[in-house]
């Protein structure tokens, strides 16, 4: 992978041409999964000026996906209903195949290769139909793939209508995947958690304040307001379109493989990024947003590797919406190149004195000016290198300690974190580390650079005094496994932020012990691992949502008593009530 990164950065055509068929590279891409395989090979294809070599790069991407699918066939039969990884290995591979064949069909049709283009379109159709049959046979298990299957079928239908007329050549289909086991019985209907009912609009515009050390483009183009190059520290306010109908934690974007256009009802889009005239204006406007809200709260977010400016705004907006932050959200956007193959370059920047001092100065200003009653600070991936260094750089702890410090999927070695722990304990009332052994992005970080195990990789659980470690591996639902804190662990994160509950009071977590101390495990999506049999994942979600919505656990109990019979199943209602009584006694 490191050879590929160097070749792309240098635009070394001969090295790229050799690497695009390299067997070791394809095996590495398989380990990263379909999304990362696409992203890295698209970079490779874009760097190849020769169209024939670019097409070969797409072929190499398909080969990597096919290898991954073949490898998954031996795993998915017994594990399909026991977790997300095997399920996604099959459904994700089928979707990936179809999308890649669509891309190849488009390239070949545009270049006049009609027969080859129509044959590729047939292969896309086969993979799409196989995915549709798979999700139809087990709709509960494959719930997250149903909509993707429908959208894919619609895209292929449009591509067929736009293709040149005439007889369509056929290609022999690959062998079908093995049939899935019978689906489990459907779960009983339940009420939607308070505060998460269907939205009246297709999307909302969400304000995100930002401080950035990126260079602003002289002529912004589309969503590109800032580059990936370093610049001076500037401040502004962004507006992000957030679609309403989406899975919690998801950040949907147009599929570049098939030239999908952005749709506000389906995708996150960055509408504007307006700079403030001065630092003082920025701080005053931010504090006004905090103090005029019903809840005077502030969310600070520091993004990780492989995100451009727009991407950092998307994640900050997603967290603001899904955590229902009523005050303000502030994103610190450092100049990541926004490319998978620029890891070394990003890591050097994230550890540079200029970036650390810039973030430290922003945190110092917030401490001096904000009137927030609650402050939550979240760092993701490589952003943990920057945030922990900035906290250690400050000469004094903050005037008001942060209510919660979240280290999510931390791309940070233990040797770097250990000397910074005193600064973290001084800065925050509580620090939580979300880690997963299924985090392919952190695997890739080690393959790029070597070095020690990252604390966000739960292959070896990191436990230290003053940090509550939460292992999200069993709840992981496939993909890169690098954003569990915003998705599968969101219920736990909400209880953490909204109610200030320590890990041993968040009953959906199962306590574990290793030689270094205690840590906790997030349950699988279908149930609960907690020691309390009354603490189902659904009851816990409802209880925390009700408390947030009504203001206190007592008010939530009063709200429940006013509801007509039948709104909640009896066992669910009993579980919610018991949890609310427990919250009162926290």
Protein backbone atom coordinates (compact mmCIF):
# COMPACT_ATOMS: atom_id res chain seq x y z
CA UNK A 1 0.00 0.00 0.00
CA UNK A 2 2.82 2.37 0.77
CA UNK A 3 4.32 1.75 -2.69
CA UNK A 4 0.97 2.62 -4.25
CA UNK A 5 0.73 5.83 -2.21
CA UNK A 6 4.23 6.92 -3.28
CA UNK A 7 3.53 6.14 -6.95
CA UNK A 8 0.25 8.09 -6.97
CA UNK A 9 1.81 11.10 -5.24
CA UNK A 10 4.71 11.09 -7.74
CA UNK A 11 2.48 10.33 -10.79
CA UNK A 12 5.01 7.63 -11.67
CA UNK A 13 3.27 6.08 -14.68
CA UNK A 14 5.53 3.05 -15.02
CA UNK A 15 5.24 2.20 -11.31
CA UNK A 16 1.46 2.67 -11.41
CA UNK A 17 1.12 0.46 -14.46
CA UNK A 18 3.02 -2.31 -12.65
CA UNK A 19 1.18 -1.91 -9.36
CA UNK A 20 -2.34 -2.03 -10.79
CA UNK A 21 -1.99 -5.79 -11.35
CA UNK A 22 0.11 -6.52 -8.26
CA UNK A 23 -1.25 -9.57 -6.40
CA UNK A 24 0.01 -8.40 -3.00
CA UNK A 25 -1.74 -5.07 -3.48
CA UNK A 26 -5.03 -6.78 -4.33
CA UNK A 27 -4.78 -8.94 -1.20
CA UNK A 28 -4.20 -5.82 0.90
CA UNK A 29 -7.26 -4.17 -0.67
CA UNK A 30 -9.37 -7.23 0.09
CA UNK A 31 -8.43 -6.93 3.76
CA UNK A 32 -9.51 -3.27 3.76
CA UNK A 33 -12.88 -4.12 2.25
CA UNK A 34 -14.84 -2.97 -0.84
CA UNK A 35 -15.13 0.73 0.03
CA UNK A 36 -11.40 1.19 0.58
CA UNK A 37 -10.59 -0.95 -2.47
CA UNK A 38 -12.71 1.33 -4.62
CA UNK A 39 -11.30 4.52 -3.19
CA UNK A 40 -7.65 3.58 -3.54
CA UNK A 41 -8.05 2.06 -7.01
CA UNK A 42 -10.04 5.07 -8.19
CA UNK A 43 -7.09 7.21 -7.14
CA UNK A 44 -4.85 4.86 -9.09
CA UNK A 45 -7.10 5.03 -12.16
CA UNK A 46 -7.25 8.81 -11.96
CA UNK A 47 -3.46 9.03 -11.84
CA UNK A 48 -3.07 6.88 -14.97
CA UNK A 49 -3.16 9.16 -18.00
CA UNK A 50 -3.47 6.20 -20.36
CA UNK A 51 -7.21 5.31 -20.68
CA UNK A 52 -6.43 1.63 -21.28
CA UNK A 53 -4.41 1.44 -18.09
CA UNK A 54 -7.18 3.27 -16.22
CA UNK A 55 -9.67 0.65 -17.39
CA UNK A 56 -7.27 -2.06 -16.21
CA UNK A 57 -7.24 -0.40 -12.80
CA UNK A 58 -11.03 -0.72 -12.62
CA UNK A 59 -10.65 -4.35 -13.65
CA UNK A 60 -8.16 -4.77 -10.81
CA UNK A 61 -10.72 -3.30 -8.41
CA UNK A 62 -13.26 -5.84 -9.57
CA UNK A 63 -10.75 -8.65 -9.10
CA UNK A 64 -10.12 -7.50 -5.53
CA UNK A 65 -13.86 -7.49 -4.81
CA UNK A 66 -14.28 -10.92 -6.40
CA UNK A 67 -11.48 -12.33 -4.25
CA UNK A 68 -13.15 -10.88 -1.17
CA UNK A 69 -16.47 -12.39 -2.13
CA UNK A 70 -14.96 -15.81 -2.75
CA UNK A 71 -13.26 -15.61 0.63
CA UNK A 72 -16.52 -14.70 2.34
CA UNK A 73 -18.43 -17.70 0.94
CA UNK A 74 -16.82 -19.99 3.52
CA UNK A 75 -17.80 -17.67 6.37
CA UNK A 76 -21.25 -16.35 5.74
CA UNK A 77 -23.39 -19.51 5.98
CA UNK A 78 -23.11 -20.08 9.76
CA UNK A 79 -22.62 -16.43 10.71
CA UNK A 80 -25.24 -14.63 8.66
CA UNK A 81 -27.61 -14.16 11.58
CA UNK A 82 -24.93 -13.74 14.26
CA UNK A 83 -23.52 -10.38 13.30
CA UNK A 84 -22.99 -7.88 10.52
CA UNK A 85 -19.58 -8.74 9.11
CA UNK A 86 -20.43 -11.90 7.16
CA UNK A 87 -23.75 -10.48 5.99
CA UNK A 88 -22.11 -7.34 4.65
CA UNK A 89 -19.32 -9.36 3.05
CA UNK A 90 -21.88 -10.94 0.71
CA UNK A 91 -24.41 -8.13 0.22
CA UNK A 92 -21.64 -5.54 0.02
CA UNK A 93 -19.69 -7.59 -2.51
CA UNK A 94 -22.75 -8.00 -4.74
CA UNK A 95 -23.49 -4.28 -4.59
CA UNK A 96 -19.83 -3.48 -5.23
CA UNK A 97 -19.74 -5.79 -8.24
CA UNK A 98 -22.82 -4.21 -9.77
CA UNK A 99 -21.56 -0.67 -9.27
CA UNK A 100 -18.17 -1.46 -10.71
CA UNK A 101 -19.66 -3.15 -13.77
CA UNK A 102 -21.86 -0.05 -14.23
CA UNK A 103 -18.75 2.11 -14.14
CA UNK A 104 -16.99 -0.10 -16.69
CA UNK A 105 -20.08 -0.11 -18.90
CA UNK A 106 -20.20 3.68 -18.88
CA UNK A 107 -16.48 3.99 -19.70
CA UNK A 108 -16.67 1.51 -22.56
CA UNK A 109 -19.88 2.92 -24.05
CA UNK A 110 -18.43 6.44 -23.94
CA UNK A 111 -15.32 5.26 -25.77
CA UNK A 112 -17.36 3.57 -28.50
CA UNK A 113 -16.82 -0.01 -27.30
CA UNK A 114 -20.50 -0.88 -27.65
CA UNK A 115 -20.26 -4.67 -27.35
CA UNK A 116 -17.96 -4.53 -24.33
CA UNK A 117 -20.10 -1.84 -22.72
CA UNK A 118 -23.35 -3.77 -23.11
CA UNK A 119 -21.70 -6.92 -21.81
CA UNK A 120 -20.55 -5.04 -18.71
CA UNK A 121 -24.10 -3.75 -18.27
CA UNK A 122 -25.37 -7.33 -18.33
CA UNK A 123 -22.94 -8.27 -15.58
CA UNK A 124 -24.12 -5.28 -13.52
CA UNK A 125 -27.71 -6.48 -14.00
CA UNK A 126 -26.87 -9.99 -12.82
CA UNK A 127 -25.16 -8.76 -9.65
CA UNK A 128 -28.03 -6.36 -8.92
CA UNK A 129 -30.64 -9.08 -9.37
CA UNK A 130 -28.65 -11.43 -7.13
CA UNK A 131 -28.57 -8.73 -4.43
CA UNK A 132 -32.34 -8.13 -4.78
CA UNK A 133 -33.07 -11.84 -4.36
CA UNK A 134 -30.76 -12.06 -1.37
CA UNK A 135 -32.36 -9.19 0.57
CA UNK A 136 -35.88 -10.35 -0.37
CA UNK A 137 -35.27 -13.75 1.23
CA UNK A 138 -34.20 -12.28 4.56
CA UNK A 139 -35.54 -8.70 4.75
CA UNK A 140 -35.00 -8.37 8.51
CA UNK A 141 -31.40 -9.51 8.34
CA UNK A 142 -30.65 -7.38 5.29
CA UNK A 143 -32.76 -4.37 6.29
CA UNK A 144 -29.93 -1.89 5.71
CA UNK A 145 -29.39 -3.26 2.18
CA UNK A 146 -32.98 -3.16 0.91
CA UNK A 147 -32.95 0.52 -0.05
CA UNK A 148 -29.48 0.20 -1.58
CA UNK A 149 -30.74 -2.71 -3.69
CA UNK A 150 -33.73 -0.70 -4.93
CA UNK A 151 -31.59 2.33 -5.82
CA UNK A 152 -29.10 0.14 -7.63
CA UNK A 153 -31.84 -1.49 -9.70
CA UNK A 154 -33.17 1.96 -10.66
CA UNK A 155 -29.72 3.13 -11.75
CA UNK A 156 -29.22 0.08 -13.92
CA UNK A 157 -32.65 0.62 -15.45
CA UNK A 158 -31.68 4.21 -16.36
CA UNK A 159 -28.37 3.02 -17.79
CA UNK A 160 -30.19 0.46 -19.95
CA UNK A 161 -32.54 3.10 -21.34
CA UNK A 162 -29.59 5.34 -22.21
CA UNK A 163 -27.53 2.55 -23.83
CA UNK A 164 -27.41 2.23 -27.65
CA UNK A 165 -30.18 0.05 -29.08
CA UNK A 166 -29.55 -3.28 -30.76
CA UNK A 167 -28.99 -6.87 -29.70
CA UNK A 168 -27.33 -7.17 -26.32
CA UNK A 169 -24.40 -9.58 -26.05
CA UNK A 170 -24.52 -11.90 -23.12
CA UNK A 171 -21.71 -12.84 -20.78
CA UNK A 172 -21.69 -16.03 -18.75
CA UNK A 173 -22.79 -15.13 -15.24
CA UNK A 174 -20.53 -15.95 -12.32
CA UNK A 175 -21.75 -18.75 -10.05
CA UNK A 176 -24.59 -17.59 -7.78
CA UNK A 177 -23.92 -17.11 -4.07
CA UNK A 178 -25.14 -19.85 -1.72
CA UNK A 179 -28.71 -19.36 -0.49
CA UNK A 180 -29.12 -17.70 2.89
CA UNK A 181 -30.57 -19.58 5.85
CA UNK A 182 -34.25 -19.01 6.69
CA UNK A 183 -34.93 -15.53 8.07
CA UNK A 184 -35.68 -15.09 11.77
CA UNK A 185 -39.24 -14.27 12.82
CA UNK A 186 -40.05 -10.56 12.41
CA UNK A 187 -39.73 -8.46 15.58
CA UNK A 188 -42.91 -7.01 17.12
CA UNK A 189 -43.87 -3.48 16.14
CA UNK A 190 -42.68 -0.82 18.55
CA UNK A 191 -43.18 2.90 18.92
CA UNK A 192 -40.64 5.25 17.38
CA UNK A 193 -38.37 6.76 20.05
CA UNK A 194 -39.43 10.23 21.08
CA UNK A 195 -37.62 12.89 19.06
CA UNK A 196 -37.02 10.51 16.13
CA UNK A 197 -40.37 10.56 14.37
CA UNK A 198 -40.59 10.99 10.60
CA UNK A 199 -39.36 14.41 9.52
CA UNK A 200 -41.82 16.78 7.86
CA UNK A 201 -39.15 17.84 5.33
CA UNK A 202 -36.82 15.96 2.98
CA UNK A 203 -33.80 17.65 4.55
CA UNK A 204 -32.68 20.39 6.93
CA UNK A 205 -29.95 23.01 6.84
CA UNK A 206 -27.65 22.64 9.84
CA UNK A 207 -25.26 25.36 11.04
CA UNK A 208 -21.70 24.31 11.82
CA UNK A 209 -19.20 26.85 13.13
CA UNK A 210 -15.66 26.13 12.02
CA UNK A 211 -12.07 27.03 12.73
CA UNK A 212 -9.73 25.90 9.98
CA UNK A 213 -6.05 25.96 9.13
CA UNK A 214 -6.78 25.17 5.48
CA UNK A 215 -6.02 27.54 2.63
CA UNK A 216 -9.22 29.11 1.27
CA UNK A 217 -9.75 28.80 -2.47
CA UNK A 218 -9.67 32.09 -4.34
CA UNK A 219 -12.68 30.95 -6.38
CA UNK A 220 -14.76 28.34 -4.50
CA UNK A 221 -16.14 25.65 -6.78
CA UNK A 222 -19.19 23.63 -5.77
CA UNK A 223 -18.50 22.36 -2.24
CA UNK A 224 -14.78 23.13 -2.46
CA UNK A 225 -14.36 26.25 -0.34
CA UNK A 226 -11.00 25.25 1.17
CA UNK A 227 -8.07 23.20 -0.15
CA UNK A 228 -6.03 20.50 1.51
CA UNK A 229 -3.05 22.83 1.80
CA UNK A 230 -2.11 24.57 5.07
CA UNK A 231 -3.03 28.21 5.54
CA UNK A 232 -3.55 30.64 8.38
CA UNK A 233 -6.13 30.04 11.10
CA UNK A 234 -9.50 31.41 9.97
CA UNK A 235 -13.07 31.15 11.25
CA UNK A 236 -16.48 30.82 9.68
CA UNK A 237 -19.98 29.39 9.63
CA UNK A 238 -20.97 26.55 7.30
CA UNK A 239 -24.43 25.37 6.33
CA UNK A 240 -24.82 21.64 5.68
CA UNK A 241 -27.82 20.00 4.07
CA UNK A 242 -28.70 16.90 6.12
CA UNK A 243 -31.26 14.48 4.61
CA UNK A 244 -33.99 13.47 7.01
CA UNK A 245 -34.65 9.92 5.84
CA UNK A 246 -31.40 8.13 6.71
CA UNK A 247 -29.92 5.66 9.16
CA UNK A 248 -28.51 7.24 12.30
CA UNK A 249 -24.80 7.77 11.90
CA UNK A 250 -24.81 7.49 8.10
CA UNK A 251 -23.37 10.20 5.86
CA UNK A 252 -24.81 9.46 2.42
CA UNK A 253 -22.93 10.91 -0.57
CA UNK A 254 -23.40 10.52 -4.35
CA UNK A 255 -21.76 7.40 -5.79
CA UNK A 256 -18.82 8.58 -7.90
CA UNK A 257 -18.55 5.19 -9.58
CA UNK A 258 -21.72 5.75 -11.56
CA UNK A 259 -21.64 9.56 -11.73
CA UNK A 260 -24.60 9.96 -9.37
CA UNK A 261 -25.65 13.57 -8.83
CA UNK A 262 -26.20 15.07 -5.39
CA UNK A 263 -29.80 15.10 -4.18
CA UNK A 264 -30.66 17.12 -1.06
CA UNK A 265 -33.28 14.56 -0.06
CA UNK A 266 -30.73 11.73 -0.11
CA UNK A 267 -27.26 13.20 0.40
CA UNK A 268 -25.24 15.41 2.71
CA UNK A 269 -24.19 18.54 0.81
CA UNK A 270 -22.24 21.61 1.86
CA UNK A 271 -24.25 24.68 0.88
CA UNK A 272 -22.01 27.50 2.13
CA UNK A 273 -18.92 28.33 4.17
CA UNK A 274 -18.96 32.01 5.13
CA UNK A 275 -15.83 33.40 6.83
CA UNK A 276 -16.12 35.85 9.71
CA UNK A 277 -14.37 39.17 9.48
CA UNK A 278 -12.47 38.62 12.71
CA UNK A 279 -11.80 36.11 15.47
CA UNK A 280 -13.82 38.27 17.86
CA UNK A 281 -16.89 38.21 15.59
CA UNK A 282 -16.65 34.43 15.35
CA UNK A 283 -16.45 33.95 19.13
CA UNK A 284 -19.31 36.36 19.76
CA UNK A 285 -21.55 34.67 17.19
CA UNK A 286 -20.72 31.22 18.55
CA UNK A 287 -21.51 32.27 22.10
CA UNK A 288 -24.80 33.84 20.98
CA UNK A 289 -25.83 30.52 19.40
CA UNK A 290 -25.05 28.78 22.69
CA UNK A 291 -26.69 31.23 25.08
CA UNK A 292 -29.93 31.65 23.08
CA UNK A 293 -30.58 27.89 22.95
CA UNK A 294 -32.85 26.07 25.41
CA UNK A 295 -29.87 23.92 26.35
CA UNK A 296 -26.64 25.88 26.56
CA UNK A 297 -24.39 23.20 25.13
CA UNK A 298 -21.39 23.17 22.81
CA UNK A 299 -20.05 20.30 20.71
CA UNK A 300 -16.43 20.52 19.51
CA UNK A 301 -15.33 18.07 16.80
CA UNK A 302 -11.84 17.33 15.44
CA UNK A 303 -11.87 15.16 12.32
CA UNK A 304 -9.46 12.47 11.22
CA UNK A 305 -7.45 11.32 8.22
CA UNK A 306 -8.76 11.28 4.65
CA UNK A 307 -11.35 14.05 5.00
CA UNK A 308 -11.55 17.21 2.97
CA UNK A 309 -13.17 20.36 4.34
CA UNK A 310 -16.67 19.38 3.20
CA UNK A 311 -16.30 15.93 4.75
CA UNK A 312 -15.38 17.40 8.12
CA UNK A 313 -18.48 19.60 7.98
CA UNK A 314 -20.69 16.59 7.12
CA UNK A 315 -19.54 14.63 10.17
CA UNK A 316 -19.91 17.61 12.51
CA UNK A 317 -23.44 18.21 11.18
CA UNK A 318 -24.34 14.53 11.53
CA UNK A 319 -23.20 14.52 15.15
CA UNK A 320 -25.06 17.74 15.90
CA UNK A 321 -28.29 16.29 14.49
CA UNK A 322 -28.01 12.77 15.90
CA UNK A 323 -26.95 14.03 19.33
CA UNK A 324 -29.69 16.70 19.07
CA UNK A 325 -27.30 19.46 20.12
CA UNK A 326 -29.42 22.56 20.73
CA UNK A 327 -26.59 25.02 21.22
CA UNK A 328 -23.70 25.11 18.73
CA UNK A 329 -21.38 22.69 16.98
CA UNK A 330 -17.81 23.72 16.17
CA UNK A 331 -15.55 21.75 13.82
CA UNK A 332 -11.80 22.22 13.78
CA UNK A 333 -10.78 21.37 10.21
CA UNK A 334 -7.06 20.81 9.75
CA UNK A 335 -5.66 20.43 6.20
CA UNK A 336 -6.04 16.71 5.52
CA UNK A 337 -5.55 16.00 1.82
CA UNK A 338 -8.80 14.00 1.76
CA UNK A 339 -7.15 11.07 -0.03
CA UNK A 340 -6.69 7.49 1.16
CA UNK A 341 -3.16 7.33 -0.24
CA UNK A 342 -1.91 10.46 1.56
CA UNK A 343 -1.64 8.93 5.03
CA UNK A 344 1.98 9.82 5.73
CA UNK A 345 1.43 13.38 4.60
CA UNK A 346 -1.67 13.78 6.81
CA UNK A 347 0.00 12.24 9.84
CA UNK A 348 2.95 14.63 9.55
CA UNK A 349 0.56 17.60 9.45
CA UNK A 350 -1.58 16.34 12.35
CA UNK A 351 1.55 16.16 14.52
CA UNK A 352 3.05 19.48 13.40
CA UNK A 353 3.62 22.27 15.89
CA UNK A 354 1.62 24.76 13.79
CA UNK A 355 -1.53 22.62 13.80
CA UNK A 356 -1.25 21.72 17.50
CA UNK A 357 -0.79 25.35 18.56
CA UNK A 358 -3.68 26.48 16.34
CA UNK A 359 -6.09 24.02 17.96
CA UNK A 360 -4.75 24.83 21.44
CA UNK A 361 -5.42 28.53 20.82
CA UNK A 362 -9.00 27.81 19.71
CA UNK A 363 -9.66 25.73 22.84
CA UNK A 364 -8.18 28.50 25.01
CA UNK A 365 -10.42 31.12 23.37
CA UNK A 366 -13.51 28.96 23.87
CA UNK A 367 -12.63 28.51 27.50
CA UNK A 368 -12.34 32.27 27.99
CA UNK A 369 -15.47 33.33 26.10
CA UNK A 370 -18.14 30.62 26.00
CA UNK A 371 -21.05 30.59 28.41
CA UNK A 372 -21.92 26.98 27.58
CA UNK A 373 -23.24 25.00 30.53
CA UNK A 374 -22.14 21.70 28.98
CA UNK A 375 -19.23 21.08 26.59
CA UNK A 376 -18.58 17.85 24.69
CA UNK A 377 -15.35 17.33 22.74
CA UNK A 378 -15.07 14.52 20.16
CA UNK A 379 -11.94 13.58 18.22
CA UNK A 380 -12.05 10.96 15.47
CA UNK A 381 -9.25 8.81 14.10
CA UNK A 382 -6.09 10.85 13.40
CA UNK A 383 -7.75 13.86 15.02
CA UNK A 384 -6.89 12.23 18.35
CA UNK A 385 -3.20 12.84 17.69
CA UNK A 386 -3.94 16.52 17.24
CA UNK A 387 -6.43 16.98 20.09
CA UNK A 388 -4.48 15.12 22.79
CA UNK A 389 -1.31 17.00 21.82
CA UNK A 390 -3.18 20.33 21.95
CA UNK A 391 -4.58 19.55 25.41
CA UNK A 392 -1.10 18.63 26.63
CA UNK A 393 0.33 21.83 25.11
CA UNK A 394 -1.97 24.13 27.10
CA UNK A 395 -0.24 25.71 30.06
CA UNK A 396 -3.31 25.55 32.29
CA UNK A 397 -6.34 23.24 32.43
CA UNK A 398 -9.57 24.80 31.15
CA UNK A 399 -11.52 27.12 33.43
CA UNK A 400 -14.52 24.83 32.98
CA UNK A 401 -13.77 21.15 32.52
CA UNK A 402 -15.34 19.47 29.50
CA UNK A 403 -18.31 17.32 30.49
CA UNK A 404 -17.25 14.59 28.10
CA UNK A 405 -14.13 13.90 26.04
CA UNK A 406 -14.62 11.23 23.35
CA UNK A 407 -11.64 9.51 21.73
CA UNK A 408 -13.27 7.73 18.78
CA UNK A 409 -11.40 5.14 16.68
CA UNK A 410 -8.20 6.75 17.90
CA UNK A 411 -5.30 6.50 15.43
CA UNK A 412 -2.85 6.99 18.28
CA UNK A 413 -0.17 4.74 19.73
CA UNK A 414 -0.17 4.02 23.45
CA UNK A 415 3.35 5.48 23.72
CA UNK A 416 2.00 8.84 22.55
CA UNK A 417 -1.17 8.78 24.65
CA UNK A 418 0.37 7.74 28.00
CA UNK A 419 2.26 11.00 28.73
CA UNK A 420 -0.81 13.03 27.75
CA UNK A 421 -3.21 11.31 30.16
CA UNK A 422 -2.71 13.84 33.00
CA UNK A 423 -3.72 16.66 30.64
CA UNK A 424 -6.82 14.72 29.55
CA UNK A 425 -7.85 14.06 33.15
CA UNK A 426 -7.42 17.75 33.97
CA UNK A 427 -9.43 18.85 30.92
CA UNK A 428 -12.49 16.59 31.17
CA UNK A 429 -14.81 15.24 33.83
CA UNK A 430 -14.85 11.93 31.97
CA UNK A 431 -13.00 10.49 28.97
CA UNK A 432 -14.36 7.64 26.84
CA UNK A 433 -12.42 5.64 24.25
CA UNK A 434 -14.49 3.87 21.56
CA UNK A 435 -12.46 1.08 19.94
CA UNK A 436 -13.07 -1.88 17.60
CA UNK A 437 -11.07 -4.87 16.46
CA UNK A 438 -12.95 -4.64 13.13
CA UNK A 439 -11.55 -1.18 12.32
CA UNK A 440 -10.03 -1.69 8.86
CA UNK A 441 -8.92 1.92 8.64
CA UNK A 442 -6.62 1.40 11.62
CA UNK A 443 -5.34 -1.82 10.04
CA UNK A 444 -4.50 0.26 6.98
CA UNK A 445 -2.71 2.82 9.16
CA UNK A 446 -0.39 0.10 10.40
CA UNK A 447 0.16 -1.22 6.87
CA UNK A 448 1.12 2.26 5.69
CA UNK A 449 3.50 3.09 8.52
CA UNK A 450 4.08 0.08 10.71
CA UNK A 451 4.55 1.16 14.30
CA UNK A 452 2.61 0.14 17.35
CA UNK A 453 -0.97 -0.93 17.77
CA UNK A 454 -3.38 2.01 17.86
CA UNK A 455 -5.45 2.43 21.02
CA UNK A 456 -8.57 2.54 18.83
CA UNK A 457 -7.84 -1.01 17.63
CA UNK A 458 -9.50 -3.34 20.12
CA UNK A 459 -7.48 -6.33 18.94
CA UNK A 460 -5.68 -5.56 22.18
CA UNK A 461 -7.94 -3.68 24.60
CA UNK A 462 -6.38 -0.47 25.89
CA UNK A 463 -7.27 0.24 29.53
CA UNK A 464 -5.81 3.13 31.53
CA UNK A 465 -6.79 5.06 34.68
CA UNK A 466 -9.17 7.90 33.91
CA UNK A 467 -10.39 6.41 30.61
CA UNK A 468 -13.54 4.33 30.11
CA UNK A 469 -12.87 2.00 27.18
CA UNK A 470 -15.88 0.75 25.20
CA UNK A 471 -15.32 -2.07 22.67
CA UNK A 472 -17.79 -1.74 19.77
CA UNK A 473 -16.61 -4.84 17.86
CA UNK A 474 -19.67 -7.01 18.49
CA UNK A 475 -22.04 -4.28 17.38
CA UNK A 476 -20.10 -3.48 14.21
CA UNK A 477 -22.19 -3.60 11.06
CA UNK A 478 -19.50 -4.00 8.43
CA UNK A 479 -17.89 -1.39 6.17
CA UNK A 480 -14.62 0.03 7.42
CA UNK A 481 -15.73 -0.20 11.05
CA UNK A 482 -14.17 3.21 11.61
CA UNK A 483 -17.21 5.23 12.68
CA UNK A 484 -18.94 2.95 15.19
CA UNK A 485 -19.13 5.78 17.73
CA UNK A 486 -21.53 7.66 15.42
CA UNK A 487 -23.56 4.59 14.42
CA UNK A 488 -23.76 1.29 16.32
CA UNK A 489 -22.58 2.93 19.56
CA UNK A 490 -24.78 6.00 19.18
CA UNK A 491 -27.26 4.87 21.86
CA UNK A 492 -24.39 4.54 24.31
CA UNK A 493 -22.86 7.84 23.22
CA UNK A 494 -26.20 9.58 23.72
CA UNK A 495 -26.58 8.24 27.27
CA UNK A 496 -23.01 9.31 27.89
CA UNK A 497 -23.53 12.85 26.60
CA UNK A 498 -27.18 13.48 27.42
CA UNK A 499 -27.37 12.00 30.91
CA UNK A 500 -23.75 12.04 32.02
CA UNK A 501 -23.98 8.37 32.94
CA UNK A 502 -20.66 6.60 33.57
CA UNK A 503 -20.09 3.33 31.72
CA UNK A 504 -21.04 1.16 34.71
CA UNK A 505 -24.48 2.86 34.77
CA UNK A 506 -25.16 2.41 31.05
CA UNK A 507 -26.84 -0.95 31.38
CA UNK A 508 -26.65 -2.00 27.72
CA UNK A 509 -22.88 -2.35 28.18
CA UNK A 510 -21.40 -5.61 29.43
CA UNK A 511 -18.47 -5.17 31.83
CA UNK A 512 -15.27 -7.09 31.10
CA UNK A 513 -11.90 -7.35 32.80
CA UNK A 514 -8.34 -7.76 31.57
CA UNK A 515 -4.98 -7.54 33.33
CA UNK A 516 -5.02 -3.73 33.17
CA UNK A 517 -8.52 -3.14 34.46
CA UNK A 518 -12.17 -2.90 33.51
CA UNK A 519 -13.71 -2.11 30.13
CA UNK A 520 -17.14 -2.52 28.49
CA UNK A 521 -18.66 -4.12 25.38
CA UNK A 522 -21.40 -2.69 23.13
CA UNK A 523 -24.15 -5.26 22.45
CA UNK A 524 -24.97 -6.76 19.10
CA UNK A 525 -27.60 -4.73 17.20
CA UNK A 526 -30.33 -7.28 17.95
CA UNK A 527 -30.10 -7.43 21.72
CA UNK A 528 -28.35 -6.55 24.94
CA UNK A 529 -25.31 -7.91 26.70
CA UNK A 530 -25.89 -5.99 29.90
CA UNK A 531 -26.26 -7.71 33.26
CA UNK A 532 -29.82 -6.41 33.76
CA UNK A 533 -32.36 -8.64 31.91
CA UNK A 534 -34.82 -5.71 31.84
CA UNK A 535 -32.33 -3.51 29.96
CA UNK A 536 -33.02 -4.29 26.33
CA UNK A 537 -31.41 -2.10 23.70
CA UNK A 538 -34.82 -0.74 22.69
CA UNK A 539 -35.91 0.08 26.25
CA UNK A 540 -32.61 1.82 26.86
CA UNK A 541 -32.94 3.87 23.65
CA UNK A 542 -36.50 4.87 24.54
CA UNK A 543 -35.62 5.79 28.14
CA UNK A 544 -32.68 7.99 27.18
CA UNK A 545 -34.64 9.65 24.36
CA UNK A 546 -37.59 10.35 26.67
CA UNK A 547 -35.33 11.83 29.33
CA UNK A 548 -33.65 14.08 26.78
CA UNK A 549 -36.96 15.13 25.28
CA UNK A 550 -38.82 15.77 28.53
CA UNK A 551 -35.89 17.21 30.50
CA UNK A 552 -35.62 14.87 33.51
CA UNK A 553 -36.32 11.18 34.21
CA UNK A 554 -39.20 12.22 36.45
CA UNK A 555 -40.80 14.24 33.64
CA UNK A 556 -40.31 11.26 31.32
CA UNK A 557 -42.15 8.98 33.77
CA UNK A 558 -45.00 11.51 33.94
CA UNK A 559 -45.15 11.59 30.12
CA UNK A 560 -45.39 7.79 29.98
CA UNK A 561 -48.31 7.81 32.40
CA UNK A 562 -50.24 10.16 30.13
CA UNK A 563 -49.97 7.87 27.11
CA UNK A 564 -52.92 5.67 26.10
CA UNK A 565 -52.66 1.93 26.57
CA UNK A 566 -51.01 0.07 23.71
CA UNK A 567 -48.47 2.70 22.71
CA UNK A 568 -45.77 0.47 24.18
CA UNK A 569 -45.84 -3.29 24.68
CA UNK A 570 -46.21 -4.13 28.38
CA UNK A 571 -42.74 -5.65 28.81
CA UNK A 572 -41.16 -2.70 26.98
CA UNK A 573 -43.09 -0.21 29.10
CA UNK A 574 -41.99 -1.94 32.29
CA UNK A 575 -38.39 -1.90 31.12
CA UNK A 576 -38.50 1.82 30.29
CA UNK A 577 -40.02 2.68 33.67
CA UNK A 578 -37.39 0.70 35.56
CA UNK A 579 -34.61 2.37 33.63
CA UNK A 580 -36.05 5.84 34.27
CA UNK A 581 -36.26 5.11 37.99
CA UNK A 582 -32.62 4.04 37.82
CA UNK A 583 -31.69 7.30 36.08
CA UNK A 584 -33.29 9.26 38.93
CA UNK A 585 -31.03 7.46 41.37
CA UNK A 586 -27.86 8.04 39.40
